[in-house]
Amino acid sequence: MKRTVAAAGAALSVLSSALAGEAYAPMAAFAPLDGRTYRAEWTDESGKKTIDVASYELILGGRALQSTHRIEGSTYGGRSIIFYDEGAKEYVFHYFTTAGFHTTGTAKMEDGVLIASEAVKGHAIVAAVESRSRFDPEKLSVEVVYVGKDGSRSPQPVRAYLPTANRGDLFP
């Protein structure tokens, strides 16, 4: 019973903040990304250069962040939606791709770093992704490790996303 009353109290607090026009505190770390587009270039171990363009926007009255990205020169891209789960006290996100696979994951913010773990569904080789993201309005830094279905771990080059005025050809 006490837990139900506490949960109801927390819900009313969130609702009253929303009605008062206050920013939703758990999403404050993402506010500097709202309405901005970033671009990253990196080269993988085979020498292939990749350029990724990602655009961010706070949606649902600031209660969620949506990111849409596309790899330049390809049809691959995806859209993520991240929100804060009040009950679990962690971020939850979903990533949908043009390649037919999707992911679901959870994340926690620790000392300004978003530490995420996601399960991959429908990919032939990758079973999970682990990442660490640092957000700064002038630079996003993302460290990614792909975990194969065989348990192998493939750390990727650090991806540094810088602001760009050119949104490019993102998906509608």
C-alpha atoms as a PDB file:
ATOM      1  CA  MET A   1       0.000   0.000   0.000  1.00  0.00           C
ATOM      2  CA  LYS A   2       2.797   2.433   0.876  1.00  0.00           C
ATOM      3  CA  ARG A   3       4.415   1.780  -2.504  1.00  0.00           C
ATOM      4  CA  THR A   4       1.127   2.542  -4.302  1.00  0.00           C
ATOM      5  CA  VAL A   5       0.745   5.805  -2.383  1.00  0.00           C
ATOM      6  CA  ALA A   6       4.378   6.739  -3.124  1.00  0.00           C
ATOM      7  CA  ALA A   7       3.912   5.935  -6.821  1.00  0.00           C
ATOM      8  CA  ALA A   8       0.735   8.013  -6.944  1.00  0.00           C
ATOM      9  CA  GLY A   9       2.552  10.882  -5.248  1.00  0.00           C
ATOM     10  CA  ALA A  10       5.400  10.689  -7.753  1.00  0.00           C
ATOM     11  CA  ALA A  11       2.925  10.638 -10.644  1.00  0.00           C
ATOM     12  CA  LEU A  12       1.131  13.710  -9.269  1.00  0.00           C
ATOM     13  CA  SER A  13       4.465  15.497  -8.883  1.00  0.00           C
ATOM     14  CA  VAL A  14       5.354  14.790 -12.510  1.00  0.00           C
ATOM     15  CA  LEU A  15       1.885  15.871 -13.646  1.00  0.00           C
ATOM     16  CA  SER A  16       1.981  19.096 -11.656  1.00  0.00           C
ATOM     17  CA  SER A  17       5.422  19.938 -13.085  1.00  0.00           C
ATOM     18  CA  ALA A  18       4.103  19.376 -16.604  1.00  0.00           C
ATOM     19  CA  LEU A  19       1.056  21.551 -15.940  1.00  0.00           C
ATOM     20  CA  ALA A  20       3.250  24.299 -14.525  1.00  0.00           C
ATOM     21  CA  GLY A  21       5.271  24.325 -17.761  1.00  0.00           C
ATOM     22  CA  GLU A  22       8.459  23.129 -16.102  1.00  0.00           C
ATOM     23  CA  ALA A  23      10.952  21.030 -18.024  1.00  0.00           C
ATOM     24  CA  TYR A  24      10.839  17.304 -17.350  1.00  0.00           C
ATOM     25  CA  ALA A  25      13.967  16.882 -15.205  1.00  0.00           C
ATOM     26  CA  PRO A  26      15.090  13.394 -16.351  1.00  0.00           C
ATOM     27  CA  MET A  27      15.265  14.616 -19.960  1.00  0.00           C
ATOM     28  CA  ALA A  28      17.217  17.806 -19.150  1.00  0.00           C
ATOM     29  CA  ALA A  29      20.512  16.200 -20.236  1.00  0.00           C
ATOM     30  CA  PHE A  30      19.106  15.910 -23.762  1.00  0.00           C
ATOM     31  CA  ALA A  31      17.706  19.454 -24.017  1.00  0.00           C
ATOM     32  CA  PRO A  32      20.851  20.887 -25.709  1.00  0.00           C
ATOM     33  CA  LEU A  33      20.318  18.417 -28.585  1.00  0.00           C
ATOM     34  CA  ASP A  34      16.754  19.516 -29.319  1.00  0.00           C
ATOM     35  CA  GLY A  35      16.388  20.718 -32.906  1.00  0.00           C
ATOM     36  CA  ARG A  36      20.035  20.100 -33.752  1.00  0.00           C
ATOM     37  CA  THR A  37      21.769  17.919 -36.331  1.00  0.00           C
ATOM     38  CA  TYR A  38      25.185  16.281 -35.943  1.00  0.00           C
ATOM     39  CA  ARG A  39      27.574  14.580 -38.373  1.00  0.00           C
ATOM     40  CA  ALA A  40      30.294  12.005 -37.736  1.00  0.00           C
ATOM     41  CA  GLU A  41      32.928  10.413 -39.955  1.00  0.00           C
ATOM     42  CA  TRP A  42      34.936   7.325 -39.080  1.00  0.00           C
ATOM     43  CA  THR A  43      36.897   4.566 -40.748  1.00  0.00           C
ATOM     44  CA  ASP A  44      36.455   0.946 -39.737  1.00  0.00           C
ATOM     45  CA  GLU A  45      39.185  -1.703 -39.490  1.00  0.00           C
ATOM     46  CA  SER A  46      38.741  -2.620 -43.182  1.00  0.00           C
ATOM     47  CA  GLY A  47      39.374   1.002 -44.219  1.00  0.00           C
ATOM     48  CA  LYS A  48      35.752   1.759 -45.125  1.00  0.00           C
ATOM     49  CA  LYS A  49      34.772   5.364 -44.417  1.00  0.00           C
ATOM     50  CA  THR A  50      31.330   5.963 -42.920  1.00  0.00           C
ATOM     51  CA  ILE A  51      29.481   9.266 -42.589  1.00  0.00           C
ATOM     52  CA  ASP A  52      26.475   9.361 -40.278  1.00  0.00           C
ATOM     53  CA  VAL A  53      24.091  12.298 -39.925  1.00  0.00           C
ATOM     54  CA  ALA A  54      21.731  12.390 -36.934  1.00  0.00           C
ATOM     55  CA  SER A  55      19.003  14.847 -36.037  1.00  0.00           C
ATOM     56  CA  TYR A  56      17.452  15.177 -32.556  1.00  0.00           C
ATOM     57  CA  GLU A  57      14.214  16.549 -31.203  1.00  0.00           C
ATOM     58  CA  LEU A  58      12.402  16.458 -27.904  1.00  0.00           C
ATOM     59  CA  ILE A  59       8.894  15.105 -28.463  1.00  0.00           C
ATOM     60  CA  LEU A  60       5.765  14.468 -26.418  1.00  0.00           C
ATOM     61  CA  GLY A  61       6.058  17.709 -24.500  1.00  0.00           C
ATOM     62  CA  GLY A  62       9.718  17.099 -23.678  1.00  0.00           C
ATOM     63  CA  ARG A  63       9.093  13.667 -22.149  1.00  0.00           C
ATOM     64  CA  ALA A  64      10.990  11.786 -24.881  1.00  0.00           C
ATOM     65  CA  LEU A  65      13.857  12.317 -27.315  1.00  0.00           C
ATOM     66  CA  GLN A  66      13.649  11.205 -30.921  1.00  0.00           C
ATOM     67  CA  SER A  67      16.745  10.720 -33.042  1.00  0.00           C
ATOM     68  CA  THR A  68      16.703  10.036 -36.761  1.00  0.00           C
ATOM     69  CA  HIS A  69      19.911   9.119 -38.551  1.00  0.00           C
ATOM     70  CA  ARG A  70      21.077   8.017 -41.973  1.00  0.00           C
ATOM     71  CA  ILE A  71      24.358   6.752 -43.314  1.00  0.00           C
ATOM     72  CA  GLU A  72      25.308   8.976 -46.263  1.00  0.00           C
ATOM     73  CA  GLY A  73      25.428   7.222 -49.617  1.00  0.00           C
ATOM     74  CA  SER A  74      23.227   4.357 -48.454  1.00  0.00           C
ATOM     75  CA  THR A  75      19.621   3.570 -47.699  1.00  0.00           C
ATOM     76  CA  TYR A  76      20.474   2.522 -44.122  1.00  0.00           C
ATOM     77  CA  GLY A  77      19.193   4.585 -41.257  1.00  0.00           C
ATOM     78  CA  GLY A  78      16.949   4.446 -38.278  1.00  0.00           C
ATOM     79  CA  ARG A  79      14.933   6.185 -35.666  1.00  0.00           C
ATOM     80  CA  SER A  80      15.283   5.957 -31.888  1.00  0.00           C
ATOM     81  CA  ILE A  81      12.928   7.103 -29.192  1.00  0.00           C
ATOM     82  CA  ILE A  82      14.204   7.352 -25.622  1.00  0.00           C
ATOM     83  CA  PHE A  83      12.187   8.124 -22.515  1.00  0.00           C
ATOM     84  CA  TYR A  84      12.627   7.938 -18.774  1.00  0.00           C
ATOM     85  CA  ASP A  85      10.848   5.115 -16.934  1.00  0.00           C
ATOM     86  CA  GLU A  86       9.859   6.606 -13.568  1.00  0.00           C
ATOM     87  CA  GLY A  87       9.246   3.214 -11.951  1.00  0.00           C
ATOM     88  CA  ALA A  88      12.535   1.620 -13.028  1.00  0.00           C
ATOM     89  CA  LYS A  89      14.523   4.878 -12.636  1.00  0.00           C
ATOM     90  CA  GLU A  90      16.252   4.333 -15.976  1.00  0.00           C
ATOM     91  CA  TYR A  91      15.988   5.378 -19.587  1.00  0.00           C
ATOM     92  CA  VAL A  92      14.261   3.025 -22.020  1.00  0.00           C
ATOM     93  CA  PHE A  93      14.644   3.220 -25.762  1.00  0.00           C
ATOM     94  CA  HIS A  94      13.618   1.604 -29.008  1.00  0.00           C
ATOM     95  CA  TYR A  95      15.558   1.754 -32.280  1.00  0.00           C
ATOM     96  CA  PHE A  96      13.941   0.888 -35.602  1.00  0.00           C
ATOM     97  CA  THR A  97      16.000   0.483 -38.805  1.00  0.00           C
ATOM     98  CA  THR A  98      15.520   0.420 -42.552  1.00  0.00           C
ATOM     99  CA  ALA A  99      17.409  -2.908 -42.545  1.00  0.00           C
ATOM    100  CA  GLY A 100      14.512  -4.686 -40.857  1.00  0.00           C
ATOM    101  CA  PHE A 101      16.070  -5.271 -37.444  1.00  0.00           C
ATOM    102  CA  HIS A 102      15.283  -3.334 -34.276  1.00  0.00           C
ATOM    103  CA  THR A 103      16.627  -2.969 -30.770  1.00  0.00           C
ATOM    104  CA  THR A 104      15.297  -2.302 -27.298  1.00  0.00           C
ATOM    105  CA  GLY A 105      17.447  -1.148 -24.465  1.00  0.00           C
ATOM    106  CA  THR A 106      17.916   0.539 -21.155  1.00  0.00           C
ATOM    107  CA  ALA A 107      20.387   3.165 -20.039  1.00  0.00           C
ATOM    108  CA  LYS A 108      21.517   5.071 -17.002  1.00  0.00           C
ATOM    109  CA  MET A 109      23.154   8.484 -16.792  1.00  0.00           C
ATOM    110  CA  GLU A 110      26.361   8.401 -14.729  1.00  0.00           C
ATOM    111  CA  ASP A 111      28.534  11.505 -14.397  1.00  0.00           C
ATOM    112  CA  GLY A 112      27.172  12.920 -17.651  1.00  0.00           C
ATOM    113  CA  VAL A 113      27.678   9.677 -19.594  1.00  0.00           C
ATOM    114  CA  LEU A 114      24.733   7.683 -20.907  1.00  0.00           C
ATOM    115  CA  ILE A 115      25.622   4.006 -20.476  1.00  0.00           C
ATOM    116  CA  ALA A 116      23.337   1.829 -22.578  1.00  0.00           C
ATOM    117  CA  SER A 117      22.769  -1.831 -23.247  1.00  0.00           C
ATOM    118  CA  GLU A 118      20.443  -2.987 -25.993  1.00  0.00           C
ATOM    119  CA  ALA A 119      19.159  -6.293 -27.290  1.00  0.00           C
ATOM    120  CA  VAL A 120      19.123  -6.652 -31.070  1.00  0.00           C
ATOM    121  CA  LYS A 121      16.228  -8.472 -32.728  1.00  0.00           C
ATOM    122  CA  GLY A 122      16.335  -9.704 -36.321  1.00  0.00           C
ATOM    123  CA  HIS A 123      20.023  -9.115 -37.137  1.00  0.00           C
ATOM    124  CA  ALA A 124      21.986 -12.021 -38.634  1.00  0.00           C
ATOM    125  CA  ILE A 125      25.188 -11.487 -36.612  1.00  0.00           C
ATOM    126  CA  VAL A 126      24.742  -8.939 -33.803  1.00  0.00           C
ATOM    127  CA  ALA A 127      22.891  -9.946 -30.624  1.00  0.00           C
ATOM    128  CA  ALA A 128      23.524  -6.874 -28.477  1.00  0.00           C
ATOM    129  CA  VAL A 129      25.078  -3.424 -28.455  1.00  0.00           C
ATOM    130  CA  GLU A 130      26.771  -1.686 -25.529  1.00  0.00           C
ATOM    131  CA  SER A 131      27.475   2.022 -25.716  1.00  0.00           C
ATOM    132  CA  ARG A 132      28.690   5.029 -23.791  1.00  0.00           C
ATOM    133  CA  SER A 133      27.586   8.465 -25.005  1.00  0.00           C
ATOM    134  CA  ARG A 134      28.759  11.862 -23.853  1.00  0.00           C
ATOM    135  CA  PHE A 135      26.556  14.832 -24.722  1.00  0.00           C
ATOM    136  CA  ASP A 136      27.872  18.328 -25.208  1.00  0.00           C
ATOM    137  CA  PRO A 137      26.114  20.843 -27.456  1.00  0.00           C
ATOM    138  CA  GLU A 138      29.282  21.147 -29.558  1.00  0.00           C
ATOM    139  CA  LYS A 139      30.257  17.466 -29.663  1.00  0.00           C
ATOM    140  CA  LEU A 140      28.639  14.100 -29.115  1.00  0.00           C
ATOM    141  CA  SER A 141      31.046  11.263 -28.446  1.00  0.00           C
ATOM    142  CA  VAL A 142      29.831   7.684 -28.818  1.00  0.00           C
ATOM    143  CA  GLU A 143      31.729   4.505 -27.953  1.00  0.00           C
ATOM    144  CA  VAL A 144      30.114   1.313 -29.292  1.00  0.00           C
ATOM    145  CA  VAL A 145      30.773  -2.396 -28.797  1.00  0.00           C
ATOM    146  CA  TYR A 146      28.878  -4.926 -30.902  1.00  0.00           C
ATOM    147  CA  VAL A 147      28.288  -8.266 -29.204  1.00  0.00           C
ATOM    148  CA  GLY A 148      27.918 -11.134 -31.654  1.00  0.00           C
ATOM    149  CA  LYS A 149      25.522 -14.030 -31.356  1.00  0.00           C
ATOM    150  CA  ASP A 150      28.595 -16.161 -30.656  1.00  0.00           C
ATOM    151  CA  GLY A 151      29.549 -13.895 -27.714  1.00  0.00           C
ATOM    152  CA  SER A 152      32.377 -12.139 -29.566  1.00  0.00           C
ATOM    153  CA  ARG A 153      32.930  -8.462 -28.777  1.00  0.00           C
ATOM    154  CA  SER A 154      33.793  -5.945 -31.510  1.00  0.00           C
ATOM    155  CA  PRO A 155      34.706  -2.493 -30.187  1.00  0.00           C
ATOM    156  CA  GLN A 156      34.180   0.174 -32.847  1.00  0.00           C
ATOM    157  CA  PRO A 157      36.109   3.398 -33.411  1.00  0.00           C
ATOM    158  CA  VAL A 158      34.909   6.262 -31.209  1.00  0.00           C
ATOM    159  CA  ARG A 159      32.415   8.312 -33.148  1.00  0.00           C
ATOM    160  CA  ALA A 160      32.648  12.076 -32.690  1.00  0.00           C
ATOM    161  CA  TYR A 161      29.526  13.871 -33.895  1.00  0.00           C
ATOM    162  CA  LEU A 162      29.888  17.587 -34.582  1.00  0.00           C
ATOM    163  CA  PRO A 163      27.078  20.074 -35.248  1.00  0.00           C
ATOM    164  CA  THR A 164      26.171  20.601 -38.884  1.00  0.00           C
ATOM    165  CA  ALA A 165      23.713  22.921 -40.565  1.00  0.00           C
ATOM    166  CA  ASN A 166      23.148  20.366 -43.332  1.00  0.00           C
ATOM    167  CA  ARG A 167      20.483  17.922 -42.195  1.00  0.00           C
ATOM    168  CA  GLY A 168      20.894  16.018 -45.440  1.00  0.00           C
ATOM    169  CA  ASP A 169      18.368  13.567 -46.778  1.00  0.00           C
ATOM    170  CA  LEU A 170      16.884  12.143 -43.603  1.00  0.00           C
ATOM    171  CA  PHE A 171      13.691  10.165 -43.517  1.00  0.00           C
ATOM    172  CA  PRO A 172      10.346  11.938 -43.224  1.00  0.00           C
END
